N, C-alpha and C. Protein backbone atom coordinates (compact mmCIF):
# COMPACT_ATOMS: atom_id res chain seq x y z
N UNK A 1 -39.30 25.48 -9.15
CA UNK A 1 -39.87 24.60 -7.92
C UNK A 1 -39.32 23.06 -8.14
N UNK A 2 -38.85 22.99 -9.76
CA UNK A 2 -38.30 21.72 -10.44
C UNK A 2 -36.69 21.92 -9.86
N UNK A 3 -36.50 23.25 -10.47
CA UNK A 3 -34.85 23.07 -9.74
C UNK A 3 -34.41 23.22 -8.10
N UNK A 4 -35.65 23.43 -7.40
CA UNK A 4 -35.76 23.02 -6.02
C UNK A 4 -35.76 21.68 -5.31
N UNK A 5 -36.68 20.60 -6.32
CA UNK A 5 -36.63 19.68 -6.06
C UNK A 5 -35.46 18.55 -6.96
N UNK A 6 -34.97 19.49 -7.80
CA UNK A 6 -33.61 18.72 -8.48
C UNK A 6 -32.47 18.41 -7.24
N UNK A 7 -32.55 20.05 -6.73
CA UNK A 7 -31.20 20.39 -5.69
C UNK A 7 -31.76 19.42 -4.63
N UNK A 8 -32.35 19.35 -3.93
CA UNK A 8 -32.67 17.95 -2.66
C UNK A 8 -32.73 16.38 -3.32
N UNK A 9 -33.14 16.24 -4.42
CA UNK A 9 -33.02 14.49 -5.11
C UNK A 9 -31.44 14.78 -5.32
N UNK A 10 -30.01 16.00 -5.97
CA UNK A 10 -29.06 15.54 -5.94
C UNK A 10 -28.77 15.40 -4.51
N UNK A 11 -29.29 16.11 -3.51
CA UNK A 11 -28.36 15.85 -1.85
C UNK A 11 -28.13 15.27 -1.03
N UNK A 12 -29.88 14.51 -1.76
CA UNK A 12 -30.59 13.27 -0.30
C UNK A 12 -29.79 12.17 -1.52
N UNK A 13 -29.03 11.67 -3.08
CA UNK A 13 -27.94 10.66 -3.30
C UNK A 13 -27.02 11.03 -3.03
N UNK A 14 -26.71 12.25 -3.32
CA UNK A 14 -24.66 12.51 -2.42
C UNK A 14 -24.58 11.51 -0.40
N UNK A 15 -25.81 12.25 -0.02
CA UNK A 15 -26.20 11.67 0.93
C UNK A 15 -25.91 10.23 1.57
N UNK A 16 -27.12 9.71 0.78
CA UNK A 16 -27.15 8.06 0.42
C UNK A 16 -25.71 7.30 -0.07
N UNK A 17 -25.00 7.96 -0.52
CA UNK A 17 -23.33 7.67 -1.35
C UNK A 17 -22.43 7.51 0.30
N UNK A 18 -22.43 8.58 1.51
CA UNK A 18 -21.88 8.70 1.83
C UNK A 18 -21.58 7.94 2.63
N UNK A 19 -23.15 6.82 2.91
CA UNK A 19 -23.83 6.29 4.47
C UNK A 19 -23.41 4.85 4.08
N UNK A 20 -23.25 5.08 2.19
CA UNK A 20 -23.54 3.45 2.30
C UNK A 20 -22.48 2.98 2.28
N UNK A 21 -22.19 1.96 3.26
CA UNK A 21 -20.96 1.54 3.84
C UNK A 21 -20.34 0.37 2.36
N UNK A 22 -21.44 -0.24 1.95
CA UNK A 22 -20.77 -1.13 0.77
C UNK A 22 -19.75 -0.53 -0.09
N UNK A 23 -20.50 0.87 -0.45
CA UNK A 23 -19.74 1.39 -1.93
C UNK A 23 -18.74 2.09 -1.33
N UNK A 24 -18.20 2.53 -0.17
CA UNK A 24 -17.89 3.36 0.34
C UNK A 24 -16.04 1.51 0.47
N UNK A 25 -16.95 0.90 1.25
CA UNK A 25 -15.70 -0.53 1.35
C UNK A 25 -15.41 -1.20 -0.12
N UNK A 26 -16.00 -1.05 -0.61
CA UNK A 26 -15.80 -1.42 -1.97
C UNK A 26 -13.67 -0.38 -2.79
N UNK A 27 -14.73 1.02 -2.38
CA UNK A 27 -13.77 1.92 -3.08
C UNK A 27 -12.23 1.78 -2.05
N UNK A 28 -12.41 0.95 -0.75
CA UNK A 28 -11.61 1.10 0.32
C UNK A 28 -10.47 -0.17 -0.24
N UNK A 29 -11.43 -0.80 -1.11
CA UNK A 29 -10.80 -2.03 -1.39
C UNK A 29 -9.78 -2.18 -2.85
N UNK A 30 -10.67 -1.26 -3.26
CA UNK A 30 -9.75 -0.53 -4.77
C UNK A 30 -8.79 0.67 -4.29
N UNK A 31 -8.72 0.78 -3.42
CA UNK A 31 -7.71 2.05 -2.78
C UNK A 31 -6.48 0.71 -2.37
N UNK A 32 -7.23 0.03 -1.63
CA UNK A 32 -6.02 -0.78 -1.07
C UNK A 32 -4.76 -1.78 -1.96
N UNK A 33 -5.41 -1.47 -2.37
CA UNK A 33 -5.17 -2.48 -4.14
C UNK A 33 -3.90 -1.54 -5.04
N UNK A 34 -4.61 -0.44 -5.21
CA UNK A 34 -3.92 0.43 -5.77
C UNK A 34 -2.85 1.59 -4.74
N UNK A 35 -2.89 0.97 -3.28
CA UNK A 35 -1.51 0.87 -2.60
C UNK A 35 -0.31 0.61 -2.55
N UNK A 36 -0.71 -0.88 -3.31
CA UNK A 36 0.10 -2.36 -3.09
C UNK A 36 1.11 -1.77 -4.58
N UNK A 37 0.17 -1.38 -4.89
CA UNK A 37 1.09 -0.85 -6.78
C UNK A 37 1.58 0.09 -6.73
N UNK A 38 0.65 1.15 -5.91
CA UNK A 38 1.94 2.72 -5.78
C UNK A 38 3.56 1.93 -4.47
N UNK A 39 3.32 1.23 -4.08
CA UNK A 39 3.98 0.74 -3.18
C UNK A 39 5.46 -0.06 -4.41
N UNK A 40 4.47 -1.30 -4.84
CA UNK A 40 5.76 -1.77 -6.19
C UNK A 40 6.36 0.05 -7.08
N UNK A 41 5.22 0.22 -7.49
CA UNK A 41 5.75 1.80 -8.23
C UNK A 41 7.29 2.44 -7.48
N UNK A 42 6.40 3.14 -5.97
CA UNK A 42 7.98 3.18 -5.45
C UNK A 42 9.36 2.90 -5.50
N UNK A 43 9.15 1.67 -4.90
CA UNK A 43 10.09 0.82 -5.03
C UNK A 43 11.25 0.56 -6.94
N UNK A 44 10.53 0.94 -7.71
CA UNK A 44 10.81 0.79 -9.01
C UNK A 44 11.41 1.96 -9.09
N UNK A 45 11.43 3.31 -8.60
CA UNK A 45 11.68 4.23 -9.47
C UNK A 45 12.54 4.50 -8.54
N UNK A 46 12.64 4.31 -6.96
CA UNK A 46 13.67 4.52 -6.20
C UNK A 46 15.26 4.77 -6.40
N UNK A 47 15.46 6.03 -7.00
CA UNK A 47 16.85 5.72 -6.83
C UNK A 47 17.97 5.24 -5.71
N UNK A 48 18.86 4.56 -6.20
CA UNK A 48 19.77 3.78 -5.65
C UNK A 48 20.95 3.97 -6.00
N UNK A 49 22.42 3.97 -6.01
CA UNK A 49 23.75 4.07 -6.75
C UNK A 49 23.63 4.12 -8.24
N UNK A 50 24.34 5.08 -8.30
CA UNK A 50 24.57 5.57 -10.26
C UNK A 50 24.97 4.73 -11.17
N UNK A 51 26.28 3.95 -10.65
CA UNK A 51 26.57 2.98 -11.08
C UNK A 51 25.32 1.74 -11.64
N UNK A 52 24.95 1.24 -10.29
CA UNK A 52 24.09 -0.04 -10.39
C UNK A 52 22.82 0.56 -11.54
N UNK A 53 22.66 1.98 -11.42
CA UNK A 53 21.35 2.15 -12.78
C UNK A 53 21.79 2.60 -14.10
N UNK A 54 22.77 2.69 -14.07
CA UNK A 54 23.62 2.19 -15.31
C UNK A 54 23.73 1.19 -15.99
N UNK A 55 23.81 0.50 -15.17
CA UNK A 55 23.87 -1.41 -15.51
C UNK A 55 22.45 -1.94 -15.06
N UNK A 56 21.74 -1.08 -14.74
CA UNK A 56 20.10 -1.42 -15.25
C UNK A 56 19.68 -0.77 -16.98
N UNK A 57 20.27 0.70 -17.04
CA UNK A 57 19.25 1.35 -18.66
C UNK A 57 20.82 0.15 -19.35
N UNK A 58 21.29 -0.41 -19.32
CA UNK A 58 22.11 -0.92 -20.05
C UNK A 58 22.12 -2.30 -20.92
N UNK A 59 21.18 -2.70 -19.80
CA UNK A 59 20.63 -4.47 -19.83
C UNK A 59 19.04 -4.42 -20.29
N UNK A 60 18.55 -2.95 -20.30
CA UNK A 60 17.31 -2.85 -20.67
C UNK A 60 17.66 -2.37 -22.24
N UNK A 61 18.72 -1.95 -23.10
CA UNK A 61 19.19 -1.93 -24.44
C UNK A 61 19.22 -2.67 -24.38
N UNK A 62 20.34 -3.71 -24.17
CA UNK A 62 20.60 -5.67 -24.58
C UNK A 62 19.70 -6.37 -24.79
N UNK A 63 18.53 -6.60 -23.54
CA UNK A 63 17.93 -7.74 -23.38
C UNK A 63 16.31 -7.18 -23.89
N UNK A 64 16.27 -8.12 -24.36
CA UNK A 64 14.48 -8.42 -24.96
C UNK A 64 13.47 -8.17 -23.69
N UNK A 65 12.57 -7.36 -23.31
CA UNK A 65 11.68 -7.43 -22.39
C UNK A 65 12.22 -8.07 -21.29
N UNK A 66 12.87 -7.65 -20.67
CA UNK A 66 13.57 -7.72 -19.29
C UNK A 66 12.77 -7.53 -18.05
N UNK A 67 12.74 -8.60 -16.91
CA UNK A 67 12.12 -8.04 -15.96
C UNK A 67 13.14 -8.08 -14.37
N UNK A 68 12.72 -7.50 -13.70
CA UNK A 68 13.14 -8.56 -12.38
C UNK A 68 12.27 -9.08 -10.82
N UNK A 69 12.44 -9.07 -9.94
CA UNK A 69 11.42 -9.53 -8.99
C UNK A 69 11.55 -8.91 -7.99
N UNK A 70 10.00 -8.31 -6.59
CA UNK A 70 10.04 -7.52 -5.74
C UNK A 70 9.16 -8.57 -4.41
N UNK A 71 9.96 -8.18 -4.18
CA UNK A 71 9.62 -9.09 -2.62
C UNK A 71 9.64 -7.68 -1.29
N UNK A 72 8.16 -8.65 -0.37
CA UNK A 72 7.60 -7.23 0.30
C UNK A 72 7.39 -8.50 1.29
N UNK A 73 7.50 -7.70 2.31
CA UNK A 73 6.40 -8.57 3.93
C UNK A 73 5.08 -7.37 4.01
N UNK A 74 3.97 -8.72 4.93
CA UNK A 74 2.86 -7.59 5.06
C UNK A 74 2.93 -6.52 6.14
N UNK A 75 4.03 -7.38 6.69
CA UNK A 75 4.21 -5.38 7.66
C UNK A 75 4.30 -4.34 6.98
N UNK A 76 5.23 -4.71 5.84
CA UNK A 76 5.34 -3.19 4.72
C UNK A 76 4.52 -2.50 4.17
N UNK A 77 3.28 -3.47 3.19
CA UNK A 77 2.41 -3.53 2.52
C UNK A 77 1.30 -2.84 3.60
N UNK A 78 1.44 -3.50 4.70
CA UNK A 78 0.45 -2.81 6.28
C UNK A 78 0.56 -1.50 6.25
N UNK A 79 1.59 -0.88 6.22
CA UNK A 79 1.91 0.51 6.79
C UNK A 79 1.32 1.30 5.25
N UNK A 80 2.19 1.37 3.84
CA UNK A 80 1.56 1.46 2.73
C UNK A 80 0.05 1.73 2.88
N UNK A 81 -0.61 0.62 2.94
CA UNK A 81 -2.23 0.47 2.86
C UNK A 81 -2.94 1.93 3.47
N UNK A 82 -2.48 1.49 4.73
CA UNK A 82 -2.89 2.27 6.17
C UNK A 82 -2.67 3.76 5.42
N UNK A 83 -1.34 4.22 5.12
CA UNK A 83 -1.72 5.43 4.70
C UNK A 83 -2.60 5.88 3.72
N UNK A 84 -1.99 5.02 2.81
CA UNK A 84 -2.94 5.77 1.32
C UNK A 84 -4.84 5.52 1.63
N UNK A 85 -5.14 4.70 2.37
CA UNK A 85 -6.76 4.84 3.23
C UNK A 85 -6.77 6.07 3.88
N UNK A 86 -5.93 6.51 4.80
CA UNK A 86 -6.12 7.52 6.05
C UNK A 86 -6.51 8.61 4.96
N UNK A 87 -5.41 8.69 4.10
CA UNK A 87 -5.67 9.90 2.50
C UNK A 87 -6.86 9.72 2.12
N UNK A 88 -7.44 8.29 1.59
CA UNK A 88 -8.32 8.09 0.68
C UNK A 88 -9.63 8.59 1.78
N UNK A 89 -10.01 8.20 2.51
CA UNK A 89 -11.07 8.32 3.23
C UNK A 89 -11.08 9.10 4.37
N UNK A 90 -10.17 10.39 4.65
CA UNK A 90 -10.17 11.76 5.39
C UNK A 90 -11.01 12.25 5.43
N UNK A 91 -12.17 12.45 4.59
CA UNK A 91 -13.32 13.27 4.46
C UNK A 91 -14.52 12.68 4.49
N UNK A 92 -14.40 11.32 4.70
CA UNK A 92 -16.14 10.21 4.05
C UNK A 92 -16.46 10.38 5.46
N UNK A 93 -15.86 10.72 6.36
CA UNK A 93 -16.34 10.55 7.81
C UNK A 93 -16.56 9.00 8.37
N UNK A 94 -16.19 8.14 7.80
CA UNK A 94 -16.02 6.91 8.15
C UNK A 94 -14.67 6.27 7.99
N UNK A 95 -14.70 5.86 8.83
CA UNK A 95 -12.90 4.46 9.53
C UNK A 95 -12.96 3.28 9.08
N UNK A 96 -12.12 2.77 7.71
CA UNK A 96 -11.41 1.42 7.49
C UNK A 96 -10.26 1.43 7.18
N UNK A 97 -10.01 0.02 7.78
CA UNK A 97 -8.43 -0.81 7.49
C UNK A 97 -8.86 -1.99 6.67
N UNK A 98 -7.80 -1.89 6.21
CA UNK A 98 -7.48 -3.16 5.48
C UNK A 98 -5.87 -3.61 5.77
N UNK A 99 -5.92 -4.83 5.83
CA UNK A 99 -5.02 -5.65 6.78
C UNK A 99 -4.19 -6.95 6.20
N UNK A 100 -3.03 -7.45 6.32
CA UNK A 100 -2.78 -8.75 5.84
C UNK A 100 -2.44 -9.39 6.33
N UNK A 101 -3.28 -10.20 7.08
CA UNK A 101 -2.43 -11.18 7.88
C UNK A 101 -2.95 -12.29 7.12
N UNK A 102 -3.26 -13.38 8.44
CA UNK A 102 -3.43 -14.87 7.46
C UNK A 102 -4.11 -14.54 6.21
N UNK A 103 -4.98 -13.54 6.67
CA UNK A 103 -6.11 -13.98 4.63
C UNK A 103 -6.15 -12.03 5.21
N UNK A 104 -6.87 -11.67 4.25
CA UNK A 104 -6.61 -10.43 3.53
C UNK A 104 -8.38 -9.65 4.31
N UNK A 105 -8.12 -8.98 5.25
CA UNK A 105 -9.05 -8.56 6.41
C UNK A 105 -9.60 -6.87 5.52
N UNK A 106 -10.75 -6.55 5.40
CA UNK A 106 -11.00 -4.88 5.29
C UNK A 106 -12.08 -4.85 6.37
N UNK A 107 -12.06 -3.49 7.26
CA UNK A 107 -12.71 -3.61 8.31
C UNK A 107 -13.29 -2.49 8.65
N UNK A 108 -14.16 -2.04 9.44
CA UNK A 108 -14.67 -0.45 9.75
C UNK A 108 -16.02 -0.07 10.33
N UNK A 109 -15.92 0.71 10.46
CA UNK A 109 -17.03 1.45 11.56
C UNK A 109 -17.96 2.43 11.54
N UNK A 110 -18.96 2.36 11.09
CA UNK A 110 -20.53 3.35 10.50
C UNK A 110 -21.81 3.35 10.93
N UNK A 111 -22.32 4.32 10.70
CA UNK A 111 -23.43 4.33 11.63
C UNK A 111 -24.65 3.68 10.99
N UNK A 112 -25.67 2.79 11.97
CA UNK A 112 -26.54 2.25 10.99
C UNK A 112 -28.18 3.22 12.55
N UNK A 113 -28.91 3.38 11.45
CA UNK A 113 -30.13 3.48 12.80
C UNK A 113 -29.59 4.45 13.93
N UNK A 114 -28.11 5.61 13.73
CA UNK A 114 -27.78 6.05 15.21
C UNK A 114 -26.99 5.24 15.18
N UNK A 115 -26.42 3.52 15.53
CA UNK A 115 -25.72 2.96 16.32
C UNK A 115 -24.54 2.68 15.28
N UNK A 116 -23.37 2.50 15.96
CA UNK A 116 -22.04 2.04 15.21
C UNK A 116 -21.74 0.82 15.23
N UNK A 117 -21.43 0.49 14.33
CA UNK A 117 -21.74 -1.29 13.76
C UNK A 117 -20.50 -1.70 12.89
N UNK A 118 -19.74 -2.80 13.22
CA UNK A 118 -18.08 -2.79 12.92
C UNK A 118 -18.59 -3.81 11.35
N UNK A 119 -17.94 -3.59 10.80
CA UNK A 119 -18.45 -4.45 9.56
C UNK A 119 -16.83 -5.17 9.39
N UNK A 120 -16.87 -6.23 8.60
CA UNK A 120 -16.09 -6.87 8.46
C UNK A 120 -15.86 -7.76 7.02
N UNK A 121 -14.36 -7.93 6.13
CA UNK A 121 -15.09 -8.62 4.63
C UNK A 121 -13.12 -9.38 5.05
N UNK A 122 -13.63 -10.61 4.38
CA UNK A 122 -12.13 -11.40 5.00
C UNK A 122 -12.60 -12.27 2.80
N UNK A 123 -11.08 -11.70 2.72
CA UNK A 123 -10.04 -12.57 1.79
C UNK A 123 -9.31 -13.21 1.44
N UNK A 124 -9.71 -14.11 0.87
CA UNK A 124 -7.84 -15.35 0.89
C UNK A 124 -7.58 -14.91 -1.18
N UNK A 125 -6.27 -14.65 -0.66
CA UNK A 125 -5.89 -14.19 -2.14
C UNK A 125 -4.81 -14.80 -2.86
N UNK A 126 -5.32 -15.12 -3.78
CA UNK A 126 -4.15 -16.47 -5.04
C UNK A 126 -3.99 -15.80 -5.89
N UNK A 127 -2.99 -16.38 -6.30
CA UNK A 127 -1.82 -16.32 -7.57
C UNK A 127 -2.67 -16.75 -8.73
N UNK A 128 -3.67 -15.92 -10.29
CA UNK A 128 -3.36 -17.27 -10.69
C UNK A 128 -2.37 -17.54 -11.64
N UNK A 129 -2.65 -18.36 -12.96
CA UNK A 129 -1.25 -19.12 -13.35
C UNK A 129 -0.79 -17.65 -15.29
N UNK A 130 -1.91 -16.76 -14.88
CA UNK A 130 -1.55 -15.98 -16.04
C UNK A 130 -0.10 -14.85 -14.73
N UNK A 131 -0.84 -14.67 -13.96
CA UNK A 131 -0.30 -13.34 -13.07
C UNK A 131 -0.91 -12.85 -12.38
N UNK A 132 -2.47 -12.75 -12.97
CA UNK A 132 -3.05 -12.13 -11.74
C UNK A 132 -4.15 -12.44 -10.40
N UNK A 133 -4.10 -12.12 -9.78
CA UNK A 133 -4.88 -12.14 -9.15
C UNK A 133 -6.43 -12.35 -8.44
N UNK A 134 -6.79 -13.45 -7.80
CA UNK A 134 -8.26 -14.07 -7.80
C UNK A 134 -8.03 -13.44 -5.79
N UNK A 135 -9.15 -12.45 -5.50
CA UNK A 135 -9.84 -12.47 -3.83
C UNK A 135 -10.94 -13.04 -4.26
N UNK A 136 -10.59 -14.21 -3.05
CA UNK A 136 -11.76 -15.20 -3.07
C UNK A 136 -12.67 -14.60 -1.32
N UNK A 137 -13.77 -13.93 -1.72
CA UNK A 137 -14.45 -13.70 -0.23
C UNK A 137 -15.04 -14.59 -0.19
N UNK A 138 -14.79 -14.90 1.46
CA UNK A 138 -14.49 -15.96 2.89
C UNK A 138 -15.75 -15.57 4.11
N UNK A 139 -15.88 -14.28 4.07
CA UNK A 139 -16.87 -13.88 5.13
C UNK A 139 -17.17 -12.38 5.12
N UNK A 140 -18.32 -12.16 4.57
CA UNK A 140 -18.85 -10.82 5.54
C UNK A 140 -20.24 -10.78 6.68
N UNK A 141 -19.26 -9.39 6.99
CA UNK A 141 -20.96 -9.60 8.63
C UNK A 141 -20.89 -8.11 8.64
N UNK A 142 -21.78 -8.70 9.60
CA UNK A 142 -22.42 -6.23 10.20
C UNK A 142 -22.32 -7.23 11.01
N UNK A 143 -21.03 -6.64 12.42
CA UNK A 143 -21.23 -7.81 13.57
C UNK A 143 -20.31 -8.48 13.39
N UNK A 144 -21.62 -9.15 14.07
CA UNK A 144 -21.11 -10.39 14.07
C UNK A 144 -22.85 -11.70 13.92
N UNK A 145 -23.45 -10.80 13.05
CA UNK A 145 -24.22 -11.31 11.66
C UNK A 145 -23.72 -11.52 10.39
N UNK A 146 -23.55 -12.92 9.86
CA UNK A 146 -23.21 -13.10 8.90
C UNK A 146 -24.48 -12.35 7.53
N UNK A 147 -23.43 -12.26 6.31
CA UNK A 147 -23.99 -12.07 5.75
C UNK A 147 -24.37 -13.18 4.32
N UNK A 148 -25.04 -13.20 3.05
CA UNK A 148 -24.86 -13.88 1.69
C UNK A 148 -23.98 -12.73 1.05
N UNK A 149 -22.74 -13.84 0.83
CA UNK A 149 -21.61 -12.94 -0.30
C UNK A 149 -21.99 -12.80 -1.34
N UNK A 150 -22.78 -13.36 -1.85
CA UNK A 150 -23.03 -13.62 -3.43
C UNK A 150 -24.00 -12.31 -3.16
N UNK A 151 -25.10 -12.58 -2.41
CA UNK A 151 -25.76 -11.23 -2.53
C UNK A 151 -25.08 -9.72 -2.37
N UNK A 152 -24.17 -9.53 -1.53
CA UNK A 152 -23.93 -8.26 -1.51
C UNK A 152 -23.01 -7.79 -2.72
N UNK A 153 -21.75 -9.30 -2.79
CA UNK A 153 -21.19 -8.95 -4.10
C UNK A 153 -22.27 -8.18 -5.52
N UNK A 154 -23.37 -8.65 -5.45
CA UNK A 154 -24.14 -8.71 -6.67
C UNK A 154 -24.38 -7.16 -6.25
N UNK A 155 -24.88 -6.70 -5.13
CA UNK A 155 -25.43 -5.18 -5.31
C UNK A 155 -23.94 -4.64 -5.84
N UNK A 156 -23.22 -4.75 -5.41
CA UNK A 156 -21.98 -3.90 -6.00
C UNK A 156 -21.33 -4.34 -7.02
N UNK A 157 -21.78 -4.98 -7.50
CA UNK A 157 -20.99 -5.39 -8.88
C UNK A 157 -22.03 -4.46 -10.05
N UNK A 158 -22.94 -4.72 -9.75
CA UNK A 158 -24.39 -3.14 -10.08
C UNK A 158 -24.80 -2.19 -10.18
N UNK A 159 -24.00 -1.66 -9.22
CA UNK A 159 -24.68 -0.42 -7.91
C UNK A 159 -22.95 0.03 -8.56
N UNK A 160 -21.67 -0.37 -8.93
CA UNK A 160 -21.24 0.37 -8.39
C UNK A 160 -20.36 0.63 -9.98
N UNK A 161 -19.46 1.90 -9.87
CA UNK A 161 -18.78 2.03 -11.34
C UNK A 161 -16.77 0.96 -10.98
N UNK A 162 -17.15 -0.31 -11.81
CA UNK A 162 -15.77 -0.56 -11.28
C UNK A 162 -14.51 -0.80 -12.79
N UNK A 163 -13.61 -0.41 -12.16
CA UNK A 163 -12.70 -0.07 -12.81
C UNK A 163 -12.41 -1.38 -13.77
N UNK A 164 -12.17 -1.24 -15.80
CA UNK A 164 -11.68 -2.36 -16.10
C UNK A 164 -10.90 -3.47 -15.97
N UNK A 165 -10.27 -2.81 -15.47
CA UNK A 165 -9.19 -3.99 -14.73
C UNK A 165 -9.36 -4.83 -13.31
N UNK A 166 -10.94 -4.57 -13.11
CA UNK A 166 -10.65 -5.76 -11.66
C UNK A 166 -12.69 -6.41 -11.95
N UNK A 167 -12.96 -7.67 -11.95
CA UNK A 167 -13.31 -8.16 -12.39
C UNK A 167 -14.49 -8.98 -11.22
N UNK A 168 -15.43 -8.91 -11.54
CA UNK A 168 -16.23 -9.25 -10.25
C UNK A 168 -16.84 -10.66 -10.86
N UNK A 169 -17.10 -11.58 -9.46
CA UNK A 169 -18.14 -12.62 -10.02
C UNK A 169 -18.68 -13.19 -9.07
N UNK A 170 -20.17 -12.39 -8.88
CA UNK A 170 -20.87 -12.44 -7.40
C UNK A 170 -21.17 -13.98 -7.06
N UNK A 171 -21.59 -15.19 -8.02
CA UNK A 171 -21.97 -16.03 -8.02
C UNK A 171 -21.28 -17.18 -8.04
N UNK A 172 -19.42 -17.21 -7.59
CA UNK A 172 -18.49 -17.92 -7.32
C UNK A 172 -17.98 -17.09 -6.52
N UNK A 173 -18.27 -15.89 -6.10
CA UNK A 173 -17.66 -14.76 -5.10
C UNK A 173 -16.36 -14.44 -4.83
N UNK A 174 -16.01 -14.01 -6.02
CA UNK A 174 -14.24 -13.71 -6.29
C UNK A 174 -14.09 -12.17 -6.94
N UNK A 175 -13.24 -12.16 -6.58
CA UNK A 175 -13.22 -10.92 -7.32
C UNK A 175 -11.39 -11.03 -7.92
N UNK A 176 -11.48 -10.82 -9.69
CA UNK A 176 -10.24 -11.02 -10.42
C UNK A 176 -9.61 -9.47 -10.33
N UNK A 177 -8.13 -9.35 -9.63
CA UNK A 177 -7.27 -8.09 -9.89
C UNK A 177 -6.66 -8.24 -11.39
N UNK A 178 -6.38 -7.89 -12.42
CA UNK A 178 -6.28 -8.20 -13.83
C UNK A 178 -5.07 -7.08 -13.93
N UNK A 179 -4.39 -7.76 -13.35
CA UNK A 179 -2.81 -6.83 -13.65
C UNK A 179 -2.64 -6.41 -14.93
N UNK A 180 -2.63 -8.00 -15.82
CA UNK A 180 -2.03 -7.30 -17.00
C UNK A 180 -2.98 -6.42 -17.82
N UNK A 181 -3.96 -6.09 -17.77
CA UNK A 181 -4.87 -4.82 -17.64
C UNK A 181 -4.52 -3.33 -17.33
N UNK A 182 -4.03 -3.71 -16.31
CA UNK A 182 -4.01 -2.28 -15.32
C UNK A 182 -2.59 -1.88 -16.45
N UNK A 183 -2.94 0.40 -16.73
CA UNK A 183 -2.25 0.96 -17.41
C UNK A 183 -1.31 1.52 -15.78
N UNK A 184 0.03 0.97 -16.53
CA UNK A 184 1.12 1.69 -15.47
C UNK A 184 2.05 2.82 -16.42
N UNK A 185 3.00 3.75 -15.87
CA UNK A 185 3.44 4.68 -17.21
C UNK A 185 4.77 4.01 -17.70
N UNK A 186 5.20 4.33 -18.84
CA UNK A 186 6.28 4.06 -19.25
C UNK A 186 5.80 2.60 -19.77
N UNK A 187 5.06 1.93 -19.57
CA UNK A 187 5.29 0.58 -20.12
C UNK A 187 5.24 -0.80 -19.12
N UNK A 188 5.25 0.03 -18.29
CA UNK A 188 5.42 -1.30 -17.80
C UNK A 188 4.84 -2.12 -17.63
N UNK A 189 5.18 -3.36 -16.85
CA UNK A 189 3.60 -4.44 -16.53
C UNK A 189 4.00 -5.28 -15.46
N UNK A 190 3.16 -5.77 -14.53
CA UNK A 190 3.14 -6.33 -13.13
C UNK A 190 2.86 -7.66 -13.19
N UNK A 191 3.55 -8.84 -12.90
CA UNK A 191 2.82 -10.06 -12.38
C UNK A 191 3.09 -10.94 -11.50
N UNK A 192 2.18 -10.77 -10.28
CA UNK A 192 2.39 -11.28 -8.83
C UNK A 192 3.09 -13.03 -9.81
N UNK A 193 4.31 -13.34 -8.61
CA UNK A 193 4.76 -14.75 -8.92
C UNK A 193 3.56 -15.34 -7.51
N UNK A 194 3.74 -14.46 -6.37
CA UNK A 194 3.77 -15.75 -5.14
C UNK A 194 2.79 -14.70 -4.16
N UNK A 195 2.33 -15.03 -3.78
CA UNK A 195 1.16 -14.44 -2.54
C UNK A 195 0.66 -15.61 -1.20
N UNK A 196 1.93 -15.80 -0.30
CA UNK A 196 2.04 -16.79 0.85
C UNK A 196 1.54 -16.19 2.25
N UNK A 197 0.60 -15.48 2.39
CA UNK A 197 0.06 -14.69 3.31
C UNK A 197 0.88 -15.35 5.20
N UNK A 198 0.74 -16.49 5.23
CA UNK A 198 1.14 -17.70 5.91
C UNK A 198 2.33 -17.63 6.85
N UNK A 199 3.11 -17.92 5.51
CA UNK A 199 4.48 -17.31 5.40
C UNK A 199 5.18 -16.06 5.64
N UNK A 200 4.42 -15.25 4.95
CA UNK A 200 4.66 -13.69 4.74
C UNK A 200 5.54 -13.56 3.95
N UNK A 201 5.11 -14.67 2.71
CA UNK A 201 5.88 -14.71 1.12
C UNK A 201 5.31 -14.24 0.25
N UNK A 202 5.69 -12.79 -0.08
CA UNK A 202 4.53 -12.06 -1.35
C UNK A 202 5.96 -11.64 -2.31
N UNK A 203 5.89 -11.84 -3.42
CA UNK A 203 6.70 -11.57 -4.41
C UNK A 203 5.55 -11.68 -6.05
N UNK A 204 6.50 -10.31 -6.11
CA UNK A 204 5.91 -9.71 -8.28
C UNK A 204 7.16 -9.29 -8.71
N UNK A 205 6.94 -9.67 -9.99
CA UNK A 205 7.92 -9.82 -11.44
C UNK A 205 7.28 -8.30 -11.70
N UNK A 206 8.54 -7.58 -12.30
CA UNK A 206 8.21 -6.14 -13.57
C UNK A 206 8.47 -6.55 -14.70
N UNK A 207 7.98 -6.11 -15.53
CA UNK A 207 8.36 -6.40 -16.86
C UNK A 207 8.49 -4.97 -17.00
N UNK A 208 9.94 -4.62 -17.84
CA UNK A 208 10.15 -4.19 -18.63
C UNK A 208 9.50 -3.57 -20.53
N UNK A 209 9.45 -2.70 -20.59
CA UNK A 209 9.13 -2.38 -22.10
C UNK A 209 10.23 -3.13 -23.04
N UNK A 210 9.71 -3.33 -24.37
CA UNK A 210 10.94 -4.20 -25.11
C UNK A 210 11.66 -2.98 -25.98
N UNK A 211 12.74 -2.66 -26.29
CA UNK A 211 13.13 -1.27 -26.29
C UNK A 211 13.17 -1.56 -27.72
N UNK A 212 12.39 0.32 -28.34
CA UNK A 212 12.27 -0.46 -29.75
C UNK A 212 13.41 -0.17 -30.97
N UNK A 213 13.93 -0.80 -31.33
CA UNK A 213 14.97 -0.85 -32.67
C UNK A 213 15.14 -0.02 -33.66
């Protein structure tokens, strides 16, 4: 009897997790951020001419902590994010989209009491002095009903297992993406230089590890 009760409780928890729009929305946001990072990684590892690659390898050996800058547009990042989220959410039964427009917008539809409800979460991205990214929450709503941002973020902060490189501040209603704590392969480090969505100007620096001598 206890075994059956445990199974029922587990199924109930799993069912609630799937229907929790805030939980899925948060992981969709994290997925979108990872998509941006994967895009940077793709640009880094994408092969071009052999002579160019040899020159880069020579510079790595002779320069201390070398770096180079990557630029992108909203259109490019939106394409990558859309592809990643489609894969991330394909078995969840819900649909979410993340767009970079004049603001960063996470939106989607889920069922509430049997009715489809649209969800909107607006962020303003800022580059911090240390190269990390701050996402300032500006508006959260279900349909046209605005919700208290600090309350929703507090529920997420205490109810989810958040990656170490993501910092929540529910009182100040912002999220910090610590690029300097993000584990990347081969010792690479990322630093945001500029995120200007209005002028479509997005730049990030990539730092290569120091060559051991």
